[in-house]
Amino acid sequence: MGPKTHKGLLVVCALLAVAMMAMVGTNVASAEARPHNTQHSTKYKIKLFRQQLRKSESIIRFWEDRERGRWALHLRHEKCWQVHGKLRRKLCAKARGSLREHTAMHAEAKRKLEHLAIYALPIGNYDHWICIHKGEGAWNASTGNGYYGGLQMNMGFQRFYGSEFLAKYGTADNWPPRVQMAVAQRAYDGYRGERARGYGPWPNTARDCGLL
């Protein structure tokens, strides 16, 4: 096999790789649009976006791997890859397009996964927490009295029941409302071997809501 034939085959293989990678996003998007059981929709979407994240990470690594060649990282098409010929410009344009597309898809999948992870947190009776919240204060309340957020959690409460959110977001006034309710639900149910506290940590507002 001559050098020209060998290079031609490399170009064809590379173009096929680009086309197959482009199909990944299409397949995931069409799967997301399919109807599915409402009860399992959140778990289904989490699985879907985790799959997208892994695939996009794999494709990004492929294009950025300097061991494989220069590919899409070079700004000038003539230095894009070690292939000569009229197809080089087309190949490099497709490679860059694929890299841009999957970089954007990776960021979007991460954003949606974070949102879905919050949505999947168990919060118990939503209406009960909303009622308590209305008597406690704004979701972003931080008045300097040692209590934070729409369910007025002190630092000890936050450290015990919501340490991962405290590390990620800061104090409870910075947590999404659903996260605040989920952490409060941990106290309600019992957490880390502690007995269930019910609505006891909110005696006045829970009583006003008819919960005590």
N, C-alpha and C. Protein backbone atom coordinates (compact mmCIF):
# COMPACT_ATOMS: atom_id res chain seq x y z
N MET A 1 0.86 -1.20 0.00
CA MET A 1 0.00 0.00 0.00
C MET A 1 0.89 1.24 0.00
N GLY A 2 0.67 2.15 -0.96
CA GLY A 2 1.50 3.34 -1.07
C GLY A 2 1.16 4.38 -0.03
N PRO A 3 2.04 5.36 0.15
CA PRO A 3 1.81 6.42 1.14
C PRO A 3 0.53 7.19 0.90
N LYS A 4 0.22 7.47 -0.38
CA LYS A 4 -0.98 8.24 -0.68
C LYS A 4 -2.23 7.46 -0.31
N THR A 5 -2.23 6.15 -0.63
CA THR A 5 -3.39 5.31 -0.29
C THR A 5 -3.56 5.24 1.22
N HIS A 6 -2.45 5.07 1.91
CA HIS A 6 -2.50 4.99 3.37
C HIS A 6 -3.08 6.26 3.98
N LYS A 7 -2.62 7.41 3.49
CA LYS A 7 -3.12 8.69 4.01
C LYS A 7 -4.59 8.88 3.66
N GLY A 8 -4.96 8.42 2.46
CA GLY A 8 -6.36 8.52 2.07
C GLY A 8 -7.27 7.73 2.98
N LEU A 9 -6.82 6.52 3.34
CA LEU A 9 -7.61 5.70 4.26
C LEU A 9 -7.71 6.35 5.63
N LEU A 10 -6.64 6.98 6.07
CA LEU A 10 -6.66 7.67 7.35
C LEU A 10 -7.70 8.79 7.36
N VAL A 11 -7.74 9.53 6.25
CA VAL A 11 -8.72 10.62 6.15
C VAL A 11 -10.13 10.08 6.20
N VAL A 12 -10.39 9.02 5.44
CA VAL A 12 -11.73 8.42 5.42
C VAL A 12 -12.13 7.95 6.81
N CYS A 13 -11.20 7.28 7.50
CA CYS A 13 -11.49 6.79 8.86
C CYS A 13 -11.78 7.94 9.81
N ALA A 14 -11.00 9.02 9.66
CA ALA A 14 -11.21 10.17 10.53
C ALA A 14 -12.58 10.81 10.30
N LEU A 15 -12.97 10.94 9.04
CA LEU A 15 -14.28 11.51 8.72
C LEU A 15 -15.41 10.64 9.24
N LEU A 16 -15.23 9.33 9.14
CA LEU A 16 -16.24 8.42 9.70
C LEU A 16 -16.33 8.59 11.21
N ALA A 17 -15.19 8.78 11.87
CA ALA A 17 -15.19 8.99 13.32
C ALA A 17 -15.96 10.24 13.70
N VAL A 18 -15.73 11.32 12.94
CA VAL A 18 -16.45 12.57 13.19
C VAL A 18 -17.95 12.37 13.04
N ALA A 19 -18.36 11.66 11.98
CA ALA A 19 -19.78 11.43 11.74
C ALA A 19 -20.42 10.62 12.86
N MET A 20 -19.71 9.59 13.32
CA MET A 20 -20.25 8.75 14.41
C MET A 20 -20.36 9.54 15.70
N MET A 21 -19.40 10.42 15.96
CA MET A 21 -19.44 11.23 17.17
C MET A 21 -20.59 12.23 17.13
N ALA A 22 -20.87 12.74 15.94
CA ALA A 22 -21.99 13.67 15.81
C ALA A 22 -23.30 12.99 16.10
N MET A 23 -23.37 11.67 15.80
CA MET A 23 -24.60 10.92 16.04
C MET A 23 -24.89 10.75 17.51
N VAL A 24 -23.85 10.82 18.36
CA VAL A 24 -24.04 10.64 19.80
C VAL A 24 -25.03 11.65 20.34
N GLY A 25 -24.80 12.94 20.02
CA GLY A 25 -25.69 13.99 20.51
C GLY A 25 -27.09 13.82 19.98
N THR A 26 -27.24 13.42 18.71
CA THR A 26 -28.55 13.22 18.11
C THR A 26 -29.31 12.11 18.80
N ASN A 27 -28.61 10.99 19.07
CA ASN A 27 -29.26 9.86 19.71
C ASN A 27 -29.73 10.19 21.12
N VAL A 28 -28.88 10.92 21.87
CA VAL A 28 -29.26 11.29 23.24
C VAL A 28 -30.43 12.26 23.21
N ALA A 29 -30.42 13.24 22.31
CA ALA A 29 -31.51 14.21 22.23
C ALA A 29 -32.82 13.54 21.88
N SER A 30 -32.79 12.58 20.94
CA SER A 30 -34.03 11.90 20.57
C SER A 30 -34.53 11.01 21.69
N ALA A 31 -33.60 10.40 22.44
CA ALA A 31 -34.01 9.56 23.56
C ALA A 31 -34.66 10.39 24.65
N GLU A 32 -34.15 11.64 24.85
CA GLU A 32 -34.72 12.51 25.87
C GLU A 32 -36.16 12.87 25.53
N ALA A 33 -36.47 12.94 24.24
CA ALA A 33 -37.80 13.35 23.81
C ALA A 33 -38.82 12.22 23.90
N ARG A 34 -38.35 10.98 24.06
CA ARG A 34 -39.29 9.86 24.10
C ARG A 34 -40.16 9.93 25.35
N PRO A 35 -41.43 9.54 25.26
CA PRO A 35 -42.28 9.51 26.45
C PRO A 35 -41.84 8.42 27.40
N HIS A 36 -41.95 8.68 28.70
CA HIS A 36 -41.60 7.67 29.67
C HIS A 36 -42.43 7.87 30.93
N ASN A 37 -42.41 6.88 31.78
CA ASN A 37 -43.22 6.88 32.98
C ASN A 37 -42.86 8.08 33.86
N THR A 38 -43.86 8.88 34.22
CA THR A 38 -43.62 10.09 35.02
C THR A 38 -42.96 9.77 36.34
N GLN A 39 -43.33 8.63 36.94
CA GLN A 39 -42.80 8.25 38.24
C GLN A 39 -41.27 8.09 38.20
N HIS A 40 -40.76 7.64 37.06
CA HIS A 40 -39.33 7.39 36.96
C HIS A 40 -38.62 8.42 36.08
N SER A 41 -39.29 9.52 35.76
CA SER A 41 -38.73 10.46 34.80
C SER A 41 -37.42 11.08 35.30
N THR A 42 -37.34 11.43 36.58
CA THR A 42 -36.13 12.06 37.09
C THR A 42 -34.95 11.11 37.04
N LYS A 43 -35.15 9.85 37.48
CA LYS A 43 -34.07 8.86 37.43
C LYS A 43 -33.66 8.60 35.99
N TYR A 44 -34.63 8.56 35.10
CA TYR A 44 -34.35 8.32 33.69
C TYR A 44 -33.49 9.44 33.11
N LYS A 45 -33.83 10.68 33.43
CA LYS A 45 -33.07 11.82 32.92
C LYS A 45 -31.67 11.86 33.51
N ILE A 46 -31.55 11.54 34.79
CA ILE A 46 -30.22 11.50 35.41
C ILE A 46 -29.34 10.48 34.70
N LYS A 47 -29.91 9.29 34.43
CA LYS A 47 -29.16 8.26 33.72
C LYS A 47 -28.76 8.74 32.33
N LEU A 48 -29.69 9.42 31.66
CA LEU A 48 -29.46 9.92 30.30
C LEU A 48 -28.33 10.94 30.27
N PHE A 49 -28.34 11.90 31.18
CA PHE A 49 -27.33 12.95 31.16
C PHE A 49 -25.98 12.45 31.66
N ARG A 50 -25.98 11.45 32.54
CA ARG A 50 -24.70 10.84 32.92
C ARG A 50 -24.07 10.14 31.72
N GLN A 51 -24.92 9.49 30.93
CA GLN A 51 -24.44 8.84 29.71
C GLN A 51 -23.86 9.89 28.75
N GLN A 52 -24.57 11.00 28.60
CA GLN A 52 -24.09 12.07 27.73
C GLN A 52 -22.76 12.63 28.22
N LEU A 53 -22.65 12.80 29.54
CA LEU A 53 -21.43 13.34 30.12
C LEU A 53 -20.24 12.44 29.80
N ARG A 54 -20.42 11.12 29.99
CA ARG A 54 -19.33 10.18 29.72
C ARG A 54 -18.93 10.20 28.25
N LYS A 55 -19.92 10.23 27.36
CA LYS A 55 -19.62 10.20 25.93
C LYS A 55 -18.93 11.49 25.48
N SER A 56 -19.42 12.62 25.98
CA SER A 56 -18.78 13.88 25.60
C SER A 56 -17.35 13.96 26.13
N GLU A 57 -17.14 13.48 27.36
CA GLU A 57 -15.79 13.46 27.92
C GLU A 57 -14.86 12.61 27.06
N SER A 58 -15.36 11.46 26.61
CA SER A 58 -14.57 10.57 25.78
C SER A 58 -14.20 11.22 24.45
N ILE A 59 -15.16 11.89 23.83
CA ILE A 59 -14.92 12.53 22.54
C ILE A 59 -13.98 13.72 22.68
N ILE A 60 -14.16 14.51 23.73
CA ILE A 60 -13.27 15.66 23.97
C ILE A 60 -11.83 15.17 24.16
N ARG A 61 -11.66 14.09 24.94
CA ARG A 61 -10.32 13.54 25.14
C ARG A 61 -9.72 13.07 23.81
N PHE A 62 -10.57 12.46 22.97
CA PHE A 62 -10.09 11.98 21.67
C PHE A 62 -9.52 13.12 20.84
N TRP A 63 -10.26 14.23 20.74
CA TRP A 63 -9.81 15.34 19.92
C TRP A 63 -8.62 16.05 20.53
N GLU A 64 -8.53 16.08 21.85
CA GLU A 64 -7.47 16.85 22.51
C GLU A 64 -6.23 16.01 22.81
N ASP A 65 -6.27 14.74 22.48
CA ASP A 65 -5.16 13.84 22.80
C ASP A 65 -3.99 14.11 21.85
N ARG A 66 -2.92 14.69 22.36
CA ARG A 66 -1.77 15.02 21.53
C ARG A 66 -1.01 13.77 21.08
N GLU A 67 -1.24 12.65 21.78
CA GLU A 67 -0.59 11.42 21.38
C GLU A 67 -1.13 10.92 20.04
N ARG A 68 -2.40 11.19 19.77
CA ARG A 68 -3.04 10.71 18.55
C ARG A 68 -2.74 11.61 17.35
N GLY A 69 -2.43 12.85 17.59
CA GLY A 69 -2.21 13.77 16.50
C GLY A 69 -2.59 15.17 16.91
N ARG A 70 -2.57 16.09 15.99
CA ARG A 70 -2.81 17.49 16.33
C ARG A 70 -4.28 17.85 16.32
N TRP A 71 -5.05 17.28 15.46
CA TRP A 71 -6.49 17.41 15.41
C TRP A 71 -7.00 18.84 15.52
N ALA A 72 -7.95 19.04 16.44
CA ALA A 72 -8.72 20.28 16.42
C ALA A 72 -8.11 21.42 17.21
N LEU A 73 -7.01 21.18 17.89
CA LEU A 73 -6.47 22.23 18.76
C LEU A 73 -5.74 23.31 17.97
N HIS A 74 -5.32 23.00 16.78
CA HIS A 74 -4.57 23.97 16.00
C HIS A 74 -5.52 24.92 15.27
N LEU A 75 -5.17 26.20 15.27
CA LEU A 75 -6.04 27.20 14.66
C LEU A 75 -5.95 27.19 13.14
N ARG A 76 -4.82 26.79 12.61
CA ARG A 76 -4.64 26.79 11.16
C ARG A 76 -4.88 25.39 10.61
N HIS A 77 -5.72 25.31 9.58
CA HIS A 77 -6.11 23.99 9.09
C HIS A 77 -4.93 23.18 8.57
N GLU A 78 -3.89 23.85 8.06
CA GLU A 78 -2.78 23.09 7.49
C GLU A 78 -1.93 22.43 8.57
N LYS A 79 -2.15 22.82 9.85
CA LYS A 79 -1.42 22.19 10.95
C LYS A 79 -2.35 21.36 11.83
N CYS A 80 -3.51 21.11 11.32
CA CYS A 80 -4.53 20.42 12.13
C CYS A 80 -4.22 18.95 12.35
N TRP A 81 -3.65 18.31 11.33
CA TRP A 81 -3.39 16.87 11.45
C TRP A 81 -2.33 16.49 10.44
N GLN A 82 -1.67 15.40 10.65
CA GLN A 82 -0.61 14.98 9.75
C GLN A 82 -1.16 14.26 8.51
N VAL A 83 -2.05 14.92 7.81
CA VAL A 83 -2.60 14.38 6.57
C VAL A 83 -2.49 15.46 5.50
N HIS A 84 -2.03 15.09 4.33
CA HIS A 84 -1.90 16.03 3.24
C HIS A 84 -3.02 15.78 2.23
N GLY A 85 -3.42 16.82 1.55
CA GLY A 85 -4.41 16.64 0.51
C GLY A 85 -5.59 17.60 0.66
N LYS A 86 -6.48 17.55 -0.31
CA LYS A 86 -7.58 18.51 -0.37
C LYS A 86 -8.63 18.30 0.71
N LEU A 87 -8.65 17.12 1.35
CA LEU A 87 -9.65 16.86 2.38
C LEU A 87 -9.23 17.37 3.76
N ARG A 88 -8.00 17.87 3.86
CA ARG A 88 -7.52 18.28 5.18
C ARG A 88 -8.38 19.38 5.79
N ARG A 89 -8.72 20.39 4.99
CA ARG A 89 -9.53 21.50 5.50
C ARG A 89 -10.88 21.01 6.00
N LYS A 90 -11.51 20.12 5.23
CA LYS A 90 -12.81 19.59 5.62
C LYS A 90 -12.71 18.77 6.91
N LEU A 91 -11.68 17.96 6.99
CA LEU A 91 -11.47 17.14 8.18
C LEU A 91 -11.28 18.00 9.41
N CYS A 92 -10.43 19.02 9.30
CA CYS A 92 -10.14 19.87 10.45
C CYS A 92 -11.37 20.67 10.89
N ALA A 93 -12.16 21.13 9.92
CA ALA A 93 -13.37 21.87 10.26
C ALA A 93 -14.35 20.99 11.02
N LYS A 94 -14.48 19.74 10.58
CA LYS A 94 -15.39 18.82 11.26
C LYS A 94 -14.87 18.48 12.66
N ALA A 95 -13.56 18.32 12.76
CA ALA A 95 -12.98 18.01 14.07
C ALA A 95 -13.23 19.15 15.05
N ARG A 96 -12.98 20.38 14.61
CA ARG A 96 -13.21 21.53 15.49
C ARG A 96 -14.67 21.66 15.85
N GLY A 97 -15.55 21.42 14.87
CA GLY A 97 -16.98 21.50 15.13
C GLY A 97 -17.42 20.48 16.16
N SER A 98 -16.90 19.25 16.03
CA SER A 98 -17.23 18.20 16.99
C SER A 98 -16.74 18.56 18.38
N LEU A 99 -15.51 19.11 18.46
CA LEU A 99 -14.96 19.50 19.76
C LEU A 99 -15.81 20.59 20.40
N ARG A 100 -16.17 21.61 19.62
CA ARG A 100 -17.01 22.69 20.16
C ARG A 100 -18.36 22.15 20.63
N GLU A 101 -18.97 21.31 19.80
CA GLU A 101 -20.30 20.78 20.12
C GLU A 101 -20.28 19.98 21.40
N HIS A 102 -19.30 19.10 21.55
CA HIS A 102 -19.29 18.24 22.73
C HIS A 102 -18.79 18.96 23.97
N THR A 103 -18.02 20.00 23.80
CA THR A 103 -17.66 20.83 24.95
C THR A 103 -18.92 21.52 25.50
N ALA A 104 -19.75 22.04 24.60
CA ALA A 104 -21.00 22.67 25.01
C ALA A 104 -21.96 21.65 25.61
N MET A 105 -22.06 20.47 24.98
CA MET A 105 -22.96 19.43 25.48
C MET A 105 -22.52 18.94 26.86
N HIS A 106 -21.21 18.87 27.08
CA HIS A 106 -20.68 18.44 28.37
C HIS A 106 -21.08 19.43 29.46
N ALA A 107 -20.93 20.73 29.18
CA ALA A 107 -21.30 21.75 30.15
C ALA A 107 -22.79 21.73 30.45
N GLU A 108 -23.60 21.56 29.41
CA GLU A 108 -25.05 21.52 29.59
C GLU A 108 -25.49 20.29 30.38
N ALA A 109 -24.87 19.15 30.09
CA ALA A 109 -25.20 17.92 30.82
C ALA A 109 -24.86 18.05 32.30
N LYS A 110 -23.73 18.69 32.62
CA LYS A 110 -23.35 18.91 34.02
C LYS A 110 -24.36 19.81 34.72
N ARG A 111 -24.79 20.86 34.02
CA ARG A 111 -25.77 21.79 34.61
C ARG A 111 -27.09 21.08 34.88
N LYS A 112 -27.55 20.29 33.92
CA LYS A 112 -28.82 19.60 34.09
C LYS A 112 -28.74 18.51 35.15
N LEU A 113 -27.61 17.84 35.25
CA LEU A 113 -27.44 16.82 36.28
C LEU A 113 -27.51 17.42 37.67
N GLU A 114 -26.89 18.58 37.83
CA GLU A 114 -26.93 19.25 39.13
C GLU A 114 -28.37 19.64 39.49
N HIS A 115 -29.11 20.15 38.51
CA HIS A 115 -30.50 20.52 38.74
C HIS A 115 -31.33 19.29 39.09
N LEU A 116 -31.15 18.20 38.35
CA LEU A 116 -31.93 16.99 38.59
C LEU A 116 -31.58 16.35 39.93
N ALA A 117 -30.30 16.42 40.31
CA ALA A 117 -29.90 15.86 41.60
C ALA A 117 -30.61 16.58 42.74
N ILE A 118 -30.76 17.91 42.61
CA ILE A 118 -31.50 18.67 43.62
C ILE A 118 -32.97 18.29 43.60
N TYR A 119 -33.53 18.17 42.40
CA TYR A 119 -34.95 17.83 42.26
C TYR A 119 -35.25 16.45 42.82
N ALA A 120 -34.28 15.55 42.78
CA ALA A 120 -34.48 14.17 43.24
C ALA A 120 -34.38 14.04 44.76
N LEU A 121 -33.94 15.08 45.46
CA LEU A 121 -33.81 14.99 46.92
C LEU A 121 -35.19 14.79 47.57
N PRO A 122 -35.32 13.87 48.51
CA PRO A 122 -36.61 13.68 49.20
C PRO A 122 -36.90 14.84 50.14
N ILE A 123 -38.09 15.41 50.03
CA ILE A 123 -38.43 16.58 50.86
C ILE A 123 -39.68 16.35 51.72
N GLY A 124 -40.23 15.15 51.69
CA GLY A 124 -41.42 14.91 52.48
C GLY A 124 -42.62 15.67 51.95
N ASN A 125 -43.38 16.28 52.85
CA ASN A 125 -44.58 17.01 52.44
C ASN A 125 -44.22 18.45 52.08
N TYR A 126 -44.26 18.74 50.81
CA TYR A 126 -43.87 20.06 50.30
C TYR A 126 -44.72 21.17 50.93
N ASP A 127 -46.03 20.97 50.99
CA ASP A 127 -46.93 22.00 51.51
C ASP A 127 -46.62 22.33 52.97
N HIS A 128 -46.22 21.33 53.74
CA HIS A 128 -45.89 21.56 55.14
C HIS A 128 -44.67 22.48 55.27
N TRP A 129 -43.63 22.20 54.47
CA TRP A 129 -42.42 23.03 54.55
C TRP A 129 -42.68 24.44 54.05
N ILE A 130 -43.53 24.57 53.06
CA ILE A 130 -43.86 25.90 52.56
C ILE A 130 -44.59 26.70 53.63
N CYS A 131 -45.49 26.04 54.34
CA CYS A 131 -46.21 26.73 55.42
C CYS A 131 -45.25 27.17 56.52
N ILE A 132 -44.34 26.28 56.93
CA ILE A 132 -43.36 26.64 57.96
C ILE A 132 -42.47 27.78 57.46
N HIS A 133 -42.04 27.69 56.24
CA HIS A 133 -41.18 28.72 55.65
C HIS A 133 -41.84 30.10 55.69
N LYS A 134 -43.12 30.16 55.42
CA LYS A 134 -43.82 31.45 55.40
C LYS A 134 -43.79 32.12 56.77
N GLY A 135 -43.70 31.31 57.82
CA GLY A 135 -43.63 31.88 59.17
C GLY A 135 -42.22 32.10 59.65
N GLU A 136 -41.23 31.60 58.92
CA GLU A 136 -39.84 31.71 59.36
C GLU A 136 -39.08 32.86 58.69
N GLY A 137 -39.26 33.04 57.38
CA GLY A 137 -38.54 34.12 56.71
C GLY A 137 -38.23 33.78 55.27
N ALA A 138 -37.55 34.69 54.59
CA ALA A 138 -37.20 34.51 53.18
C ALA A 138 -36.18 33.39 53.02
N TRP A 139 -36.20 32.76 51.85
CA TRP A 139 -35.25 31.67 51.59
C TRP A 139 -33.80 32.15 51.68
N ASN A 140 -33.56 33.40 51.41
CA ASN A 140 -32.19 33.94 51.46
C ASN A 140 -31.94 34.77 52.71
N ALA A 141 -32.73 34.51 53.76
CA ALA A 141 -32.61 35.30 54.99
C ALA A 141 -31.27 35.05 55.69
N SER A 142 -30.61 36.14 56.04
CA SER A 142 -29.38 36.09 56.84
C SER A 142 -29.31 37.39 57.62
N THR A 143 -30.00 37.42 58.75
CA THR A 143 -30.20 38.67 59.49
C THR A 143 -29.17 38.90 60.59
N GLY A 144 -28.24 37.94 60.75
CA GLY A 144 -27.23 38.10 61.79
C GLY A 144 -27.64 37.54 63.13
N ASN A 145 -28.77 36.84 63.19
CA ASN A 145 -29.23 36.27 64.46
C ASN A 145 -28.74 34.83 64.68
N GLY A 146 -27.87 34.34 63.77
CA GLY A 146 -27.35 32.98 63.90
C GLY A 146 -28.18 31.93 63.20
N TYR A 147 -29.26 32.35 62.56
CA TYR A 147 -30.13 31.43 61.82
C TYR A 147 -30.20 31.86 60.36
N TYR A 148 -30.28 30.88 59.47
CA TYR A 148 -30.14 31.17 58.05
C TYR A 148 -31.23 30.50 57.22
N GLY A 149 -31.63 31.19 56.16
CA GLY A 149 -32.53 30.61 55.17
C GLY A 149 -33.99 30.65 55.53
N GLY A 150 -34.79 30.05 54.67
CA GLY A 150 -36.24 30.08 54.81
C GLY A 150 -36.80 29.16 55.86
N LEU A 151 -35.94 28.31 56.45
CA LEU A 151 -36.37 27.45 57.55
C LEU A 151 -35.52 27.70 58.79
N GLN A 152 -34.77 28.80 58.77
CA GLN A 152 -34.02 29.30 59.92
C GLN A 152 -33.20 28.21 60.62
N MET A 153 -32.17 27.76 59.92
CA MET A 153 -31.28 26.72 60.46
C MET A 153 -30.04 27.37 61.05
N ASN A 154 -29.66 26.95 62.26
CA ASN A 154 -28.42 27.46 62.83
C ASN A 154 -27.24 26.66 62.29
N MET A 155 -26.03 27.06 62.64
CA MET A 155 -24.85 26.43 62.07
C MET A 155 -24.71 24.96 62.48
N GLY A 156 -25.05 24.66 63.73
CA GLY A 156 -24.98 23.26 64.17
C GLY A 156 -25.92 22.37 63.36
N PHE A 157 -27.13 22.87 63.11
CA PHE A 157 -28.12 22.14 62.32
C PHE A 157 -27.58 21.91 60.91
N GLN A 158 -27.02 22.95 60.31
CA GLN A 158 -26.50 22.85 58.94
C GLN A 158 -25.34 21.86 58.87
N ARG A 159 -24.44 21.91 59.85
CA ARG A 159 -23.29 21.01 59.82
C ARG A 159 -23.71 19.55 59.96
N PHE A 160 -24.68 19.29 60.79
CA PHE A 160 -25.08 17.90 61.04
C PHE A 160 -25.93 17.35 59.90
N TYR A 161 -26.93 18.11 59.49
CA TYR A 161 -27.90 17.58 58.52
C TYR A 161 -27.56 17.92 57.06
N GLY A 162 -26.74 18.94 56.86
CA GLY A 162 -26.48 19.36 55.48
C GLY A 162 -25.05 19.74 55.23
N SER A 163 -24.11 18.95 55.76
CA SER A 163 -22.70 19.32 55.66
C SER A 163 -22.21 19.44 54.21
N GLU A 164 -22.72 18.56 53.32
CA GLU A 164 -22.25 18.62 51.93
C GLU A 164 -22.72 19.89 51.24
N PHE A 165 -23.91 20.37 51.61
CA PHE A 165 -24.43 21.60 51.01
C PHE A 165 -23.76 22.83 51.63
N LEU A 166 -23.44 22.73 52.90
CA LEU A 166 -22.70 23.81 53.56
C LEU A 166 -21.34 24.00 52.90
N ALA A 167 -20.70 22.87 52.56
CA ALA A 167 -19.39 22.94 51.89
C ALA A 167 -19.52 23.46 50.47
N LYS A 168 -20.61 23.12 49.81
CA LYS A 168 -20.77 23.48 48.39
C LYS A 168 -21.27 24.89 48.20
N TYR A 169 -22.29 25.29 48.98
CA TYR A 169 -22.95 26.58 48.75
C TYR A 169 -22.63 27.65 49.79
N GLY A 170 -22.12 27.23 50.95
CA GLY A 170 -22.02 28.17 52.07
C GLY A 170 -23.23 27.99 52.97
N THR A 171 -23.57 29.00 53.75
CA THR A 171 -24.68 28.89 54.70
C THR A 171 -26.03 28.73 54.00
N ALA A 172 -27.03 28.30 54.75
CA ALA A 172 -28.31 27.87 54.18
C ALA A 172 -29.04 28.95 53.40
N ASP A 173 -28.75 30.21 53.66
CA ASP A 173 -29.40 31.28 52.90
C ASP A 173 -28.98 31.28 51.44
N ASN A 174 -27.91 30.54 51.12
CA ASN A 174 -27.45 30.40 49.73
C ASN A 174 -27.92 29.10 49.07
N TRP A 175 -28.61 28.25 49.82
CA TRP A 175 -29.05 26.97 49.27
C TRP A 175 -30.33 27.15 48.46
N PRO A 176 -30.51 26.39 47.40
CA PRO A 176 -31.81 26.39 46.72
C PRO A 176 -32.90 25.98 47.71
N PRO A 177 -34.10 26.52 47.59
CA PRO A 177 -35.18 26.18 48.53
C PRO A 177 -35.40 24.67 48.69
N ARG A 178 -35.32 23.92 47.61
CA ARG A 178 -35.55 22.48 47.71
C ARG A 178 -34.47 21.80 48.54
N VAL A 179 -33.24 22.29 48.47
CA VAL A 179 -32.17 21.76 49.31
C VAL A 179 -32.46 22.05 50.78
N GLN A 180 -32.93 23.25 51.08
CA GLN A 180 -33.28 23.59 52.46
C GLN A 180 -34.37 22.66 52.99
N MET A 181 -35.37 22.40 52.16
CA MET A 181 -36.45 21.49 52.59
C MET A 181 -35.93 20.07 52.77
N ALA A 182 -35.03 19.62 51.88
CA ALA A 182 -34.49 18.27 51.97
C ALA A 182 -33.67 18.09 53.25
N VAL A 183 -32.90 19.10 53.61
CA VAL A 183 -32.11 19.03 54.85
C VAL A 183 -33.02 19.03 56.07
N ALA A 184 -34.06 19.86 56.03
CA ALA A 184 -35.04 19.85 57.12
C ALA A 184 -35.72 18.50 57.23
N GLN A 185 -35.98 17.86 56.10
CA GLN A 185 -36.62 16.54 56.10
C GLN A 185 -35.74 15.49 56.77
N ARG A 186 -34.44 15.66 56.65
CA ARG A 186 -33.53 14.73 57.33
C ARG A 186 -33.74 14.79 58.84
N ALA A 187 -33.91 16.00 59.35
CA ALA A 187 -34.18 16.13 60.79
C ALA A 187 -35.53 15.52 61.13
N TYR A 188 -36.50 15.74 60.26
CA TYR A 188 -37.84 15.19 60.48
C TYR A 188 -37.79 13.66 60.55
N ASP A 189 -37.07 13.04 59.64
CA ASP A 189 -37.04 11.58 59.53
C ASP A 189 -36.08 10.92 60.51
N GLY A 190 -35.07 11.66 60.94
CA GLY A 190 -33.97 11.06 61.70
C GLY A 190 -32.79 10.86 60.76
N TYR A 191 -31.59 11.14 61.24
CA TYR A 191 -30.43 11.16 60.35
C TYR A 191 -29.19 10.72 61.11
N ARG A 192 -28.39 9.87 60.49
CA ARG A 192 -27.13 9.39 61.06
C ARG A 192 -27.33 8.80 62.45
N GLY A 193 -28.35 8.00 62.59
CA GLY A 193 -28.61 7.33 63.85
C GLY A 193 -29.36 8.15 64.87
N GLU A 194 -29.62 9.41 64.58
CA GLU A 194 -30.38 10.25 65.50
C GLU A 194 -31.87 9.97 65.34
N ARG A 195 -32.60 10.08 66.42
CA ARG A 195 -34.04 9.83 66.36
C ARG A 195 -34.73 10.88 65.50
N ALA A 196 -35.88 10.51 64.96
CA ALA A 196 -36.67 11.45 64.17
C ALA A 196 -37.14 12.60 65.05
N ARG A 197 -37.02 13.82 64.57
CA ARG A 197 -37.39 14.99 65.36
C ARG A 197 -38.73 15.58 64.92
N GLY A 198 -39.28 15.07 63.82
CA GLY A 198 -40.53 15.61 63.33
C GLY A 198 -40.40 17.09 63.03
N TYR A 199 -41.45 17.85 63.36
CA TYR A 199 -41.41 19.30 63.14
C TYR A 199 -40.98 20.04 64.40
N GLY A 200 -40.41 19.29 65.36
CA GLY A 200 -40.00 19.88 66.63
C GLY A 200 -39.04 21.06 66.52
N PRO A 201 -38.09 21.06 65.58
CA PRO A 201 -37.18 22.21 65.49
C PRO A 201 -37.86 23.52 65.11
N TRP A 202 -39.12 23.46 64.70
CA TRP A 202 -39.86 24.67 64.31
C TRP A 202 -41.17 24.74 65.12
N PRO A 203 -41.09 24.81 66.44
CA PRO A 203 -42.27 24.63 67.29
C PRO A 203 -43.39 25.65 67.04
N ASN A 204 -43.02 26.90 66.91
CA ASN A 204 -44.05 27.94 66.78
C ASN A 204 -44.72 27.91 65.41
N THR A 205 -43.91 27.94 64.37
CA THR A 205 -44.50 27.97 63.03
C THR A 205 -45.18 26.64 62.68
N ALA A 206 -44.62 25.53 63.15
CA ALA A 206 -45.26 24.24 62.89
C ALA A 206 -46.61 24.17 63.60
N ARG A 207 -46.67 24.75 64.79
CA ARG A 207 -47.95 24.77 65.53
C ARG A 207 -48.96 25.66 64.81
N ASP A 208 -48.50 26.77 64.30
CA ASP A 208 -49.40 27.65 63.55
C ASP A 208 -49.93 26.97 62.29
N CYS A 209 -49.13 26.08 61.74
CA CYS A 209 -49.55 25.34 60.54
C CYS A 209 -50.39 24.11 60.88
N GLY A 210 -50.60 23.87 62.16
CA GLY A 210 -51.41 22.71 62.57
C GLY A 210 -50.65 21.41 62.49
N LEU A 211 -49.31 21.47 62.56
CA LEU A 211 -48.48 20.28 62.42
C LEU A 211 -48.02 19.73 63.77
N LEU A 212 -48.26 20.48 64.84
CA LEU A 212 -47.91 20.03 66.20
C LEU A 212 -49.11 20.15 67.12
